[in-house]
Amino acid sequence: MHVLSIPTWVIHILSVLEWMVAIWLVWSYADASQNPAWKGMAIAMVPAWVSAICVCTWHFFDNAPTLAWLGMVQATMTFVGNCTLLWAAWWLWQRNRSEVRHRHDF
C-alpha cells in the first residue's frame, strides 16, 4: 500500500465507488423511465468497474510482481468496457431513433 500517496488512493477508491453509483443510477433510470435499453448501458459499464477494481487490488499489494497479471486483466477490461459502452450507446441511439420515427407516424 506504500506505492501510492493518500490523494492517489482517494482518487482510485472514489473511481471504484463512482462506477458503482453510476451503474446503480443508470439501472434505476431504466426502471423509472420504463426503458430497458438503459439496463444494457448499466451492464455495459460493469467491465470498466472491474478494471478499476483490478488496478486498486494490484496497488493495494504494492504492485507485487506475482500480481502483474492484474495489469493485463485491467487493460483487457478497459478495452472490453470501451467496446461494450460503445455498443450500448449505439443501441440506445438506434432505439431512440426508432421511437421518434414511430411517434411521427401517427
PDB file of N, CA and C in Angstrom:
ATOM      1  N   MET A   1       0.813  -1.202   0.000  1.00  0.00           N
ATOM      2  CA  MET A   1       0.000   0.000   0.000  1.00  0.00           C
ATOM      3  C   MET A   1       0.854   1.262   0.000  1.00  0.00           C
ATOM      4  N   HIS A   2       2.137   1.127   0.088  1.00  0.00           N
ATOM      5  CA  HIS A   2       3.013   2.279   0.206  1.00  0.00           C
ATOM      6  C   HIS A   2       3.383   2.884  -1.139  1.00  0.00           C
ATOM      7  N   VAL A   3       2.966   2.248  -2.221  1.00  0.00           N
ATOM      8  CA  VAL A   3       3.356   2.702  -3.550  1.00  0.00           C
ATOM      9  C   VAL A   3       2.669   4.020  -3.914  1.00  0.00           C
ATOM     10  N   LEU A   4       1.441   4.185  -3.496  1.00  0.00           N
ATOM     11  CA  LEU A   4       0.666   5.369  -3.878  1.00  0.00           C
ATOM     12  C   LEU A   4       0.506   6.328  -2.700  1.00  0.00           C
ATOM     13  N   SER A   5       0.390   7.597  -3.029  1.00  0.00           N
ATOM     14  CA  SER A   5       0.136   8.604  -1.997  1.00  0.00           C
ATOM     15  C   SER A   5      -1.331   8.522  -1.575  1.00  0.00           C
ATOM     16  N   ILE A   6      -1.638   9.132  -0.459  1.00  0.00           N
ATOM     17  CA  ILE A   6      -3.023   9.127   0.040  1.00  0.00           C
ATOM     18  C   ILE A   6      -3.968   9.792  -0.961  1.00  0.00           C
ATOM     19  N   PRO A   7      -3.617  10.963  -1.527  1.00  0.00           N
ATOM     20  CA  PRO A   7      -4.536  11.552  -2.512  1.00  0.00           C
ATOM     21  C   PRO A   7      -4.786  10.632  -3.723  1.00  0.00           C
ATOM     22  N   THR A   8      -3.740   9.910  -4.133  1.00  0.00           N
ATOM     23  CA  THR A   8      -3.925   8.986  -5.261  1.00  0.00           C
ATOM     24  C   THR A   8      -4.830   7.831  -4.857  1.00  0.00           C
ATOM     25  N   TRP A   9      -4.682   7.326  -3.641  1.00  0.00           N
ATOM     26  CA  TRP A   9      -5.579   6.277  -3.154  1.00  0.00           C
ATOM     27  C   TRP A   9      -7.024   6.773  -3.117  1.00  0.00           C
ATOM     28  N   VAL A  10      -7.203   7.997  -2.671  1.00  0.00           N
ATOM     29  CA  VAL A  10      -8.562   8.557  -2.619  1.00  0.00           C
ATOM     30  C   VAL A  10      -9.175   8.560  -4.019  1.00  0.00           C
ATOM     31  N   ILE A  11      -8.403   8.979  -4.995  1.00  0.00           N
ATOM     32  CA  ILE A  11      -8.902   9.013  -6.374  1.00  0.00           C
ATOM     33  C   ILE A  11      -9.239   7.606  -6.859  1.00  0.00           C
ATOM     34  N   HIS A  12      -8.357   6.641  -6.588  1.00  0.00           N
ATOM     35  CA  HIS A  12      -8.600   5.261  -7.027  1.00  0.00           C
ATOM     36  C   HIS A  12      -9.863   4.687  -6.376  1.00  0.00           C
ATOM     37  N   ILE A  13      -9.986   4.867  -5.085  1.00  0.00           N
ATOM     38  CA  ILE A  13     -11.146   4.324  -4.373  1.00  0.00           C
ATOM     39  C   ILE A  13     -12.428   5.020  -4.810  1.00  0.00           C
ATOM     40  N   LEU A  14     -12.366   6.326  -4.974  1.00  0.00           N
ATOM     41  CA  LEU A  14     -13.552   7.047  -5.437  1.00  0.00           C
ATOM     42  C   LEU A  14     -13.941   6.635  -6.854  1.00  0.00           C
ATOM     43  N   SER A  15     -12.975   6.279  -7.663  1.00  0.00           N
ATOM     44  CA  SER A  15     -13.277   5.811  -9.012  1.00  0.00           C
ATOM     45  C   SER A  15     -14.087   4.523  -8.976  1.00  0.00           C
ATOM     46  N   VAL A  16     -13.692   3.595  -8.108  1.00  0.00           N
ATOM     47  CA  VAL A  16     -14.448   2.340  -7.956  1.00  0.00           C
ATOM     48  C   VAL A  16     -15.868   2.647  -7.476  1.00  0.00           C
ATOM     49  N   LEU A  17     -15.969   3.494  -6.464  1.00  0.00           N
ATOM     50  CA  LEU A  17     -17.292   3.854  -5.936  1.00  0.00           C
ATOM     51  C   LEU A  17     -18.125   4.600  -6.974  1.00  0.00           C
ATOM     52  N   GLU A  18     -17.468   5.458  -7.737  1.00  0.00           N
ATOM     53  CA  GLU A  18     -18.159   6.231  -8.775  1.00  0.00           C
ATOM     54  C   GLU A  18     -18.803   5.306  -9.807  1.00  0.00           C
ATOM     55  N   TRP A  19     -18.051   4.285 -10.241  1.00  0.00           N
ATOM     56  CA  TRP A  19     -18.622   3.336 -11.204  1.00  0.00           C
ATOM     57  C   TRP A  19     -19.809   2.600 -10.603  1.00  0.00           C
ATOM     58  N   MET A  20     -19.696   2.210  -9.319  1.00  0.00           N
ATOM     59  CA  MET A  20     -20.813   1.513  -8.666  1.00  0.00           C
ATOM     60  C   MET A  20     -22.063   2.390  -8.629  1.00  0.00           C
ATOM     61  N   VAL A  21     -21.888   3.628  -8.238  1.00  0.00           N
ATOM     62  CA  VAL A  21     -23.025   4.553  -8.147  1.00  0.00           C
ATOM     63  C   VAL A  21     -23.601   4.824  -9.541  1.00  0.00           C
ATOM     64  N   ALA A  22     -22.730   5.019 -10.517  1.00  0.00           N
ATOM     65  CA  ALA A  22     -23.198   5.295 -11.880  1.00  0.00           C
ATOM     66  C   ALA A  22     -23.995   4.110 -12.436  1.00  0.00           C
ATOM     67  N   ILE A  23     -23.505   2.905 -12.207  1.00  0.00           N
ATOM     68  CA  ILE A  23     -24.228   1.712 -12.669  1.00  0.00           C
ATOM     69  C   ILE A  23     -25.597   1.648 -12.003  1.00  0.00           C
ATOM     70  N   TRP A  24     -25.632   1.884 -10.700  1.00  0.00           N
ATOM     71  CA  TRP A  24     -26.908   1.852  -9.978  1.00  0.00           C
ATOM     72  C   TRP A  24     -27.858   2.947 -10.481  1.00  0.00           C
ATOM     73  N   LEU A  25     -27.334   4.150 -10.721  1.00  0.00           N
ATOM     74  CA  LEU A  25     -28.186   5.243 -11.205  1.00  0.00           C
ATOM     75  C   LEU A  25     -28.749   4.946 -12.599  1.00  0.00           C
ATOM     76  N   VAL A  26     -27.915   4.408 -13.476  1.00  0.00           N
ATOM     77  CA  VAL A  26     -28.390   4.088 -14.828  1.00  0.00           C
ATOM     78  C   VAL A  26     -29.444   2.990 -14.762  1.00  0.00           C
ATOM     79  N   TRP A  27     -29.218   1.983 -13.922  1.00  0.00           N
ATOM     80  CA  TRP A  27     -30.204   0.904 -13.761  1.00  0.00           C
ATOM     81  C   TRP A  27     -31.520   1.471 -13.204  1.00  0.00           C
ATOM     82  N   SER A  28     -31.407   2.359 -12.218  1.00  0.00           N
ATOM     83  CA  SER A  28     -32.603   2.990 -11.642  1.00  0.00           C
ATOM     84  C   SER A  28     -33.334   3.826 -12.683  1.00  0.00           C
ATOM     85  N   TYR A  29     -32.574   4.517 -13.533  1.00  0.00           N
ATOM     86  CA  TYR A  29     -33.197   5.305 -14.594  1.00  0.00           C
ATOM     87  C   TYR A  29     -33.952   4.394 -15.559  1.00  0.00           C
ATOM     88  N   ALA A  30     -33.388   3.222 -15.838  1.00  0.00           N
ATOM     89  CA  ALA A  30     -34.074   2.260 -16.717  1.00  0.00           C
ATOM     90  C   ALA A  30     -35.427   1.873 -16.132  1.00  0.00           C
ATOM     91  N   ASP A  31     -35.453   1.640 -14.824  1.00  0.00           N
ATOM     92  CA  ASP A  31     -36.720   1.296 -14.175  1.00  0.00           C
ATOM     93  C   ASP A  31     -37.683   2.477 -14.180  1.00  0.00           C
ATOM     94  N   ALA A  32     -37.185   3.658 -13.835  1.00  0.00           N
ATOM     95  CA  ALA A  32     -38.045   4.845 -13.754  1.00  0.00           C
ATOM     96  C   ALA A  32     -38.602   5.245 -15.111  1.00  0.00           C
ATOM     97  N   SER A  33     -37.776   5.125 -16.151  1.00  0.00           N
ATOM     98  CA  SER A  33     -38.219   5.517 -17.492  1.00  0.00           C
ATOM     99  C   SER A  33     -38.936   4.390 -18.235  1.00  0.00           C
ATOM    100  N   GLN A  34     -38.931   3.207 -17.621  1.00  0.00           N
ATOM    101  CA  GLN A  34     -39.507   2.012 -18.239  1.00  0.00           C
ATOM    102  C   GLN A  34     -38.893   1.762 -19.617  1.00  0.00           C
ATOM    103  N   ASN A  35     -37.612   2.030 -19.716  1.00  0.00           N
ATOM    104  CA  ASN A  35     -36.859   1.819 -20.944  1.00  0.00           C
ATOM    105  C   ASN A  35     -35.735   0.819 -20.643  1.00  0.00           C
ATOM    106  N   PRO A  36     -35.970  -0.464 -20.959  1.00  0.00           N
ATOM    107  CA  PRO A  36     -34.983  -1.489 -20.624  1.00  0.00           C
ATOM    108  C   PRO A  36     -33.654  -1.339 -21.360  1.00  0.00           C
ATOM    109  N   ALA A  37     -33.609  -0.541 -22.399  1.00  0.00           N
ATOM    110  CA  ALA A  37     -32.341  -0.320 -23.114  1.00  0.00           C
ATOM    111  C   ALA A  37     -31.297   0.275 -22.188  1.00  0.00           C
ATOM    112  N   TRP A  38     -31.727   1.050 -21.209  1.00  0.00           N
ATOM    113  CA  TRP A  38     -30.778   1.634 -20.260  1.00  0.00           C
ATOM    114  C   TRP A  38     -30.155   0.582 -19.363  1.00  0.00           C
ATOM    115  N   LYS A  39     -30.840  -0.544 -19.152  1.00  0.00           N
ATOM    116  CA  LYS A  39     -30.230  -1.627 -18.380  1.00  0.00           C
ATOM    117  C   LYS A  39     -29.040  -2.202 -19.142  1.00  0.00           C
ATOM    118  N   GLY A  40     -29.130  -2.207 -20.457  1.00  0.00           N
ATOM    119  CA  GLY A  40     -27.988  -2.626 -21.268  1.00  0.00           C
ATOM    120  C   GLY A  40     -26.805  -1.714 -21.047  1.00  0.00           C
ATOM    121  N   MET A  41     -27.063  -0.428 -20.899  1.00  0.00           N
ATOM    122  CA  MET A  41     -25.981   0.516 -20.627  1.00  0.00           C
ATOM    123  C   MET A  41     -25.360   0.229 -19.262  1.00  0.00           C
ATOM    124  N   ALA A  42     -26.204  -0.042 -18.269  1.00  0.00           N
ATOM    125  CA  ALA A  42     -25.688  -0.348 -16.933  1.00  0.00           C
ATOM    126  C   ALA A  42     -24.810  -1.602 -16.962  1.00  0.00           C
ATOM    127  N   ILE A  43     -25.251  -2.618 -17.667  1.00  0.00           N
ATOM    128  CA  ILE A  43     -24.460  -3.846 -17.776  1.00  0.00           C
ATOM    129  C   ILE A  43     -23.165  -3.576 -18.532  1.00  0.00           C
ATOM    130  N   ALA A  44     -23.232  -2.731 -19.543  1.00  0.00           N
ATOM    131  CA  ALA A  44     -22.042  -2.396 -20.335  1.00  0.00           C
ATOM    132  C   ALA A  44     -21.000  -1.645 -19.507  1.00  0.00           C
ATOM    133  N   MET A  45     -21.402  -1.057 -18.398  1.00  0.00           N
ATOM    134  CA  MET A  45     -20.485  -0.313 -17.539  1.00  0.00           C
ATOM    135  C   MET A  45     -19.683  -1.226 -16.597  1.00  0.00           C
ATOM    136  N   VAL A  46     -20.140  -2.449 -16.421  1.00  0.00           N
ATOM    137  CA  VAL A  46     -19.503  -3.359 -15.457  1.00  0.00           C
ATOM    138  C   VAL A  46     -18.023  -3.627 -15.771  1.00  0.00           C
ATOM    139  N   PRO A  47     -17.628  -3.871 -17.042  1.00  0.00           N
ATOM    140  CA  PRO A  47     -16.197  -4.102 -17.284  1.00  0.00           C
ATOM    141  C   PRO A  47     -15.303  -2.933 -16.853  1.00  0.00           C
ATOM    142  N   ALA A  48     -15.770  -1.715 -16.989  1.00  0.00           N
ATOM    143  CA  ALA A  48     -14.977  -0.559 -16.539  1.00  0.00           C
ATOM    144  C   ALA A  48     -14.829  -0.571 -15.017  1.00  0.00           C
ATOM    145  N   TRP A  49     -15.873  -0.989 -14.329  1.00  0.00           N
ATOM    146  CA  TRP A  49     -15.829  -1.116 -12.871  1.00  0.00           C
ATOM    147  C   TRP A  49     -14.829  -2.198 -12.466  1.00  0.00           C
ATOM    148  N   VAL A  50     -14.862  -3.329 -13.177  1.00  0.00           N
ATOM    149  CA  VAL A  50     -13.913  -4.417 -12.905  1.00  0.00           C
ATOM    150  C   VAL A  50     -12.475  -3.930 -13.143  1.00  0.00           C
ATOM    151  N   SER A  51     -12.278  -3.149 -14.187  1.00  0.00           N
ATOM    152  CA  SER A  51     -10.960  -2.593 -14.472  1.00  0.00           C
ATOM    153  C   SER A  51     -10.458  -1.751 -13.299  1.00  0.00           C
ATOM    154  N   ALA A  52     -11.320  -0.930 -12.753  1.00  0.00           N
ATOM    155  CA  ALA A  52     -10.947  -0.091 -11.611  1.00  0.00           C
ATOM    156  C   ALA A  52     -10.607  -0.938 -10.394  1.00  0.00           C
ATOM    157  N   ILE A  53     -11.349  -2.007 -10.170  1.00  0.00           N
ATOM    158  CA  ILE A  53     -11.069  -2.897  -9.042  1.00  0.00           C
ATOM    159  C   ILE A  53      -9.711  -3.574  -9.221  1.00  0.00           C
ATOM    160  N   CYS A  54      -9.412  -3.998 -10.444  1.00  0.00           N
ATOM    161  CA  CYS A  54      -8.126  -4.660 -10.714  1.00  0.00           C
ATOM    162  C   CYS A  54      -6.951  -3.755 -10.362  1.00  0.00           C
ATOM    163  N   VAL A  55      -6.996  -2.525 -10.806  1.00  0.00           N
ATOM    164  CA  VAL A  55      -5.862  -1.632 -10.549  1.00  0.00           C
ATOM    165  C   VAL A  55      -5.743  -1.322  -9.055  1.00  0.00           C
ATOM    166  N   CYS A  56      -6.853  -1.167  -8.373  1.00  0.00           N
ATOM    167  CA  CYS A  56      -6.792  -0.921  -6.923  1.00  0.00           C
ATOM    168  C   CYS A  56      -6.222  -2.138  -6.190  1.00  0.00           C
ATOM    169  N   THR A  57      -6.620  -3.320  -6.616  1.00  0.00           N
ATOM    170  CA  THR A  57      -6.114  -4.542  -5.981  1.00  0.00           C
ATOM    171  C   THR A  57      -4.611  -4.658  -6.159  1.00  0.00           C
ATOM    172  N   TRP A  58      -4.133  -4.418  -7.362  1.00  0.00           N
ATOM    173  CA  TRP A  58      -2.696  -4.530  -7.625  1.00  0.00           C
ATOM    174  C   TRP A  58      -1.909  -3.510  -6.794  1.00  0.00           C
ATOM    175  N   HIS A  59      -2.396  -2.291  -6.753  1.00  0.00           N
ATOM    176  CA  HIS A  59      -1.721  -1.260  -5.959  1.00  0.00           C
ATOM    177  C   HIS A  59      -1.781  -1.566  -4.465  1.00  0.00           C
ATOM    178  N   PHE A  60      -2.895  -2.138  -4.022  1.00  0.00           N
ATOM    179  CA  PHE A  60      -3.036  -2.473  -2.600  1.00  0.00           C
ATOM    180  C   PHE A  60      -1.919  -3.415  -2.154  1.00  0.00           C
ATOM    181  N   PHE A  61      -1.524  -4.308  -3.043  1.00  0.00           N
ATOM    182  CA  PHE A  61      -0.444  -5.248  -2.739  1.00  0.00           C
ATOM    183  C   PHE A  61       0.910  -4.758  -3.261  1.00  0.00           C
ATOM    184  N   ASP A  62       1.082  -3.433  -3.279  1.00  0.00           N
ATOM    185  CA  ASP A  62       2.349  -2.788  -3.648  1.00  0.00           C
ATOM    186  C   ASP A  62       2.888  -3.235  -5.003  1.00  0.00           C
ATOM    187  N   ASN A  63       1.986  -3.386  -5.955  1.00  0.00           N
ATOM    188  CA  ASN A  63       2.365  -3.760  -7.322  1.00  0.00           C
ATOM    189  C   ASN A  63       3.244  -5.019  -7.338  1.00  0.00           C
ATOM    190  N   ALA A  64       2.857  -6.001  -6.547  1.00  0.00           N
ATOM    191  CA  ALA A  64       3.627  -7.245  -6.434  1.00  0.00           C
ATOM    192  C   ALA A  64       3.794  -7.892  -7.806  1.00  0.00           C
ATOM    193  N   PRO A  65       5.004  -8.298  -8.139  1.00  0.00           N
ATOM    194  CA  PRO A  65       5.238  -8.939  -9.440  1.00  0.00           C
ATOM    195  C   PRO A  65       4.372 -10.176  -9.661  1.00  0.00           C
ATOM    196  N   THR A  66       4.031 -10.880  -8.590  1.00  0.00           N
ATOM    197  CA  THR A  66       3.175 -12.062  -8.735  1.00  0.00           C
ATOM    198  C   THR A  66       1.751 -11.710  -9.142  1.00  0.00           C
ATOM    199  N   LEU A  67       1.393 -10.454  -8.976  1.00  0.00           N
ATOM    200  CA  LEU A  67       0.053  -9.996  -9.374  1.00  0.00           C
ATOM    201  C   LEU A  67       0.092  -9.129 -10.633  1.00  0.00           C
ATOM    202  N   ALA A  68       1.208  -9.159 -11.330  1.00  0.00           N
ATOM    203  CA  ALA A  68       1.334  -8.332 -12.539  1.00  0.00           C
ATOM    204  C   ALA A  68       0.270  -8.682 -13.573  1.00  0.00           C
ATOM    205  N   TRP A  69      -0.246  -9.912 -13.522  1.00  0.00           N
ATOM    206  CA  TRP A  69      -1.303 -10.313 -14.454  1.00  0.00           C
ATOM    207  C   TRP A  69      -2.549  -9.436 -14.291  1.00  0.00           C
ATOM    208  N   LEU A  70      -2.719  -8.832 -13.117  1.00  0.00           N
ATOM    209  CA  LEU A  70      -3.861  -7.924 -12.931  1.00  0.00           C
ATOM    210  C   LEU A  70      -3.775  -6.730 -13.872  1.00  0.00           C
ATOM    211  N   GLY A  71      -2.567  -6.337 -14.222  1.00  0.00           N
ATOM    212  CA  GLY A  71      -2.404  -5.247 -15.188  1.00  0.00           C
ATOM    213  C   GLY A  71      -2.985  -5.619 -16.541  1.00  0.00           C
ATOM    214  N   MET A  72      -2.774  -6.873 -16.946  1.00  0.00           N
ATOM    215  CA  MET A  72      -3.336  -7.342 -18.219  1.00  0.00           C
ATOM    216  C   MET A  72      -4.865  -7.450 -18.141  1.00  0.00           C
ATOM    217  N   VAL A  73      -5.355  -7.931 -17.007  1.00  0.00           N
ATOM    218  CA  VAL A  73      -6.813  -8.009 -16.819  1.00  0.00           C
ATOM    219  C   VAL A  73      -7.405  -6.599 -16.848  1.00  0.00           C
ATOM    220  N   GLN A  74      -6.730  -5.668 -16.182  1.00  0.00           N
ATOM    221  CA  GLN A  74      -7.213  -4.282 -16.142  1.00  0.00           C
ATOM    222  C   GLN A  74      -7.255  -3.684 -17.545  1.00  0.00           C
ATOM    223  N   ALA A  75      -6.195  -3.893 -18.308  1.00  0.00           N
ATOM    224  CA  ALA A  75      -6.154  -3.359 -19.677  1.00  0.00           C
ATOM    225  C   ALA A  75      -7.220  -4.010 -20.546  1.00  0.00           C
ATOM    226  N   THR A  76      -7.393  -5.315 -20.386  1.00  0.00           N
ATOM    227  CA  THR A  76      -8.412  -6.032 -21.165  1.00  0.00           C
ATOM    228  C   THR A  76      -9.808  -5.538 -20.810  1.00  0.00           C
ATOM    229  N   MET A  77     -10.057  -5.376 -19.519  1.00  0.00           N
ATOM    230  CA  MET A  77     -11.379  -4.904 -19.090  1.00  0.00           C
ATOM    231  C   MET A  77     -11.641  -3.471 -19.551  1.00  0.00           C
ATOM    232  N   THR A  78     -10.599  -2.657 -19.607  1.00  0.00           N
ATOM    233  CA  THR A  78     -10.768  -1.301 -20.136  1.00  0.00           C
ATOM    234  C   THR A  78     -11.172  -1.370 -21.601  1.00  0.00           C
ATOM    235  N   PHE A  79     -10.489  -2.205 -22.381  1.00  0.00           N
ATOM    236  CA  PHE A  79     -10.831  -2.362 -23.798  1.00  0.00           C
ATOM    237  C   PHE A  79     -12.239  -2.921 -23.962  1.00  0.00           C
ATOM    238  N   VAL A  80     -12.546  -3.991 -23.235  1.00  0.00           N
ATOM    239  CA  VAL A  80     -13.886  -4.595 -23.308  1.00  0.00           C
ATOM    240  C   VAL A  80     -14.941  -3.578 -22.883  1.00  0.00           C
ATOM    241  N   GLY A  81     -14.654  -2.844 -21.803  1.00  0.00           N
ATOM    242  CA  GLY A  81     -15.601  -1.835 -21.324  1.00  0.00           C
ATOM    243  C   GLY A  81     -15.848  -0.737 -22.345  1.00  0.00           C
ATOM    244  N   ASN A  82     -14.795  -0.290 -23.003  1.00  0.00           N
ATOM    245  CA  ASN A  82     -14.972   0.728 -24.049  1.00  0.00           C
ATOM    246  C   ASN A  82     -15.831   0.193 -25.183  1.00  0.00           C
ATOM    247  N   CYS A  83     -15.614  -1.064 -25.546  1.00  0.00           N
ATOM    248  CA  CYS A  83     -16.411  -1.674 -26.626  1.00  0.00           C
ATOM    249  C   CYS A  83     -17.866  -1.855 -26.209  1.00  0.00           C
ATOM    250  N   THR A  84     -18.092  -2.336 -24.980  1.00  0.00           N
ATOM    251  CA  THR A  84     -19.476  -2.538 -24.544  1.00  0.00           C
ATOM    252  C   THR A  84     -20.212  -1.218 -24.370  1.00  0.00           C
ATOM    253  N   LEU A  85     -19.506  -0.195 -23.914  1.00  0.00           N
ATOM    254  CA  LEU A  85     -20.144   1.118 -23.786  1.00  0.00           C
ATOM    255  C   LEU A  85     -20.472   1.707 -25.157  1.00  0.00           C
ATOM    256  N   LEU A  86     -19.581   1.498 -26.115  1.00  0.00           N
ATOM    257  CA  LEU A  86     -19.865   1.941 -27.482  1.00  0.00           C
ATOM    258  C   LEU A  86     -21.109   1.240 -28.012  1.00  0.00           C
ATOM    259  N   TRP A  87     -21.170  -0.071 -27.830  1.00  0.00           N
ATOM    260  CA  TRP A  87     -22.318  -0.842 -28.297  1.00  0.00           C
ATOM    261  C   TRP A  87     -23.608  -0.380 -27.605  1.00  0.00           C
ATOM    262  N   ALA A  88     -23.557  -0.202 -26.284  1.00  0.00           N
ATOM    263  CA  ALA A  88     -24.752   0.210 -25.541  1.00  0.00           C
ATOM    264  C   ALA A  88     -25.220   1.597 -25.962  1.00  0.00           C
ATOM    265  N   ALA A  89     -24.278   2.502 -26.181  1.00  0.00           N
ATOM    266  CA  ALA A  89     -24.648   3.852 -26.634  1.00  0.00           C
ATOM    267  C   ALA A  89     -25.272   3.797 -28.017  1.00  0.00           C
ATOM    268  N   TRP A  90     -24.701   2.969 -28.903  1.00  0.00           N
ATOM    269  CA  TRP A  90     -25.265   2.821 -30.245  1.00  0.00           C
ATOM    270  C   TRP A  90     -26.679   2.237 -30.156  1.00  0.00           C
ATOM    271  N   TRP A  91     -26.862   1.235 -29.281  1.00  0.00           N
ATOM    272  CA  TRP A  91     -28.169   0.603 -29.118  1.00  0.00           C
ATOM    273  C   TRP A  91     -29.201   1.619 -28.625  1.00  0.00           C
ATOM    274  N   LEU A  92     -28.819   2.429 -27.645  1.00  0.00           N
ATOM    275  CA  LEU A  92     -29.734   3.463 -27.146  1.00  0.00           C
ATOM    276  C   LEU A  92     -30.071   4.469 -28.243  1.00  0.00           C
ATOM    277  N   TRP A  93     -29.079   4.863 -29.019  1.00  0.00           N
ATOM    278  CA  TRP A  93     -29.298   5.817 -30.104  1.00  0.00           C
ATOM    279  C   TRP A  93     -30.262   5.243 -31.141  1.00  0.00           C
ATOM    280  N   GLN A  94     -30.034   3.986 -31.530  1.00  0.00           N
ATOM    281  CA  GLN A  94     -30.916   3.348 -32.511  1.00  0.00           C
ATOM    282  C   GLN A  94     -32.335   3.205 -31.973  1.00  0.00           C
ATOM    283  N   ARG A  95     -32.441   2.809 -30.728  1.00  0.00           N
ATOM    284  CA  ARG A  95     -33.764   2.641 -30.119  1.00  0.00           C
ATOM    285  C   ARG A  95     -34.494   3.985 -30.062  1.00  0.00           C
ATOM    286  N   ASN A  96     -33.786   5.044 -29.697  1.00  0.00           N
ATOM    287  CA  ASN A  96     -34.380   6.369 -29.622  1.00  0.00           C
ATOM    288  C   ASN A  96     -34.821   6.845 -31.005  1.00  0.00           C
ATOM    289  N   ARG A  97     -33.984   6.593 -32.006  1.00  0.00           N
ATOM    290  CA  ARG A  97     -34.352   6.991 -33.377  1.00  0.00           C
ATOM    291  C   ARG A  97     -35.616   6.281 -33.835  1.00  0.00           C
ATOM    292  N   SER A  98     -35.729   4.987 -33.549  1.00  0.00           N
ATOM    293  CA  SER A  98     -36.911   4.245 -33.984  1.00  0.00           C
ATOM    294  C   SER A  98     -38.157   4.704 -33.225  1.00  0.00           C
ATOM    295  N   GLU A  99     -38.009   5.054 -31.939  1.00  0.00           N
ATOM    296  CA  GLU A  99     -39.153   5.550 -31.176  1.00  0.00           C
ATOM    297  C   GLU A  99     -39.608   6.906 -31.690  1.00  0.00           C
ATOM    298  N   VAL A 100     -38.674   7.769 -32.056  1.00  0.00           N
ATOM    299  CA  VAL A 100     -39.024   9.091 -32.589  1.00  0.00           C
ATOM    300  C   VAL A 100     -39.749   8.917 -33.912  1.00  0.00           C
ATOM    301  N   ARG A 101     -39.246   8.047 -34.773  1.00  0.00           N
ATOM    302  CA  ARG A 101     -39.922   7.784 -36.057  1.00  0.00           C
ATOM    303  C   ARG A 101     -41.313   7.246 -35.824  1.00  0.00           C
ATOM    304  N   HIS A 102     -41.431   6.334 -34.855  1.00  0.00           N
ATOM    305  CA  HIS A 102     -42.737   5.712 -34.584  1.00  0.00           C
ATOM    306  C   HIS A 102     -43.735   6.774 -34.109  1.00  0.00           C
ATOM    307  N   ARG A 103     -43.289   7.711 -33.275  1.00  0.00           N
ATOM    308  CA  ARG A 103     -44.181   8.765 -32.778  1.00  0.00           C
ATOM    309  C   ARG A 103     -44.647   9.677 -33.915  1.00  0.00           C
ATOM    310  N   HIS A 104     -43.800   9.902 -34.908  1.00  0.00           N
ATOM    311  CA  HIS A 104     -44.158  10.798 -36.009  1.00  0.00           C
ATOM    312  C   HIS A 104     -45.048  10.115 -37.043  1.00  0.00           C
ATOM    313  N   ASP A 105     -45.186   8.802 -36.947  1.00  0.00           N
ATOM    314  CA  ASP A 105     -46.048   8.079 -37.889  1.00  0.00           C
ATOM    315  C   ASP A 105     -47.519   8.287 -37.593  1.00  0.00           C
ATOM    316  N   PHE A 106     -47.851   8.766 -36.401  1.00  0.00           N
ATOM    317  CA  PHE A 106     -49.261   8.925 -36.030  1.00  0.00           C
ATOM    318  C   PHE A 106     -49.779  10.266 -36.376  1.00  0.00           C
TER     319      PHE A 106
END
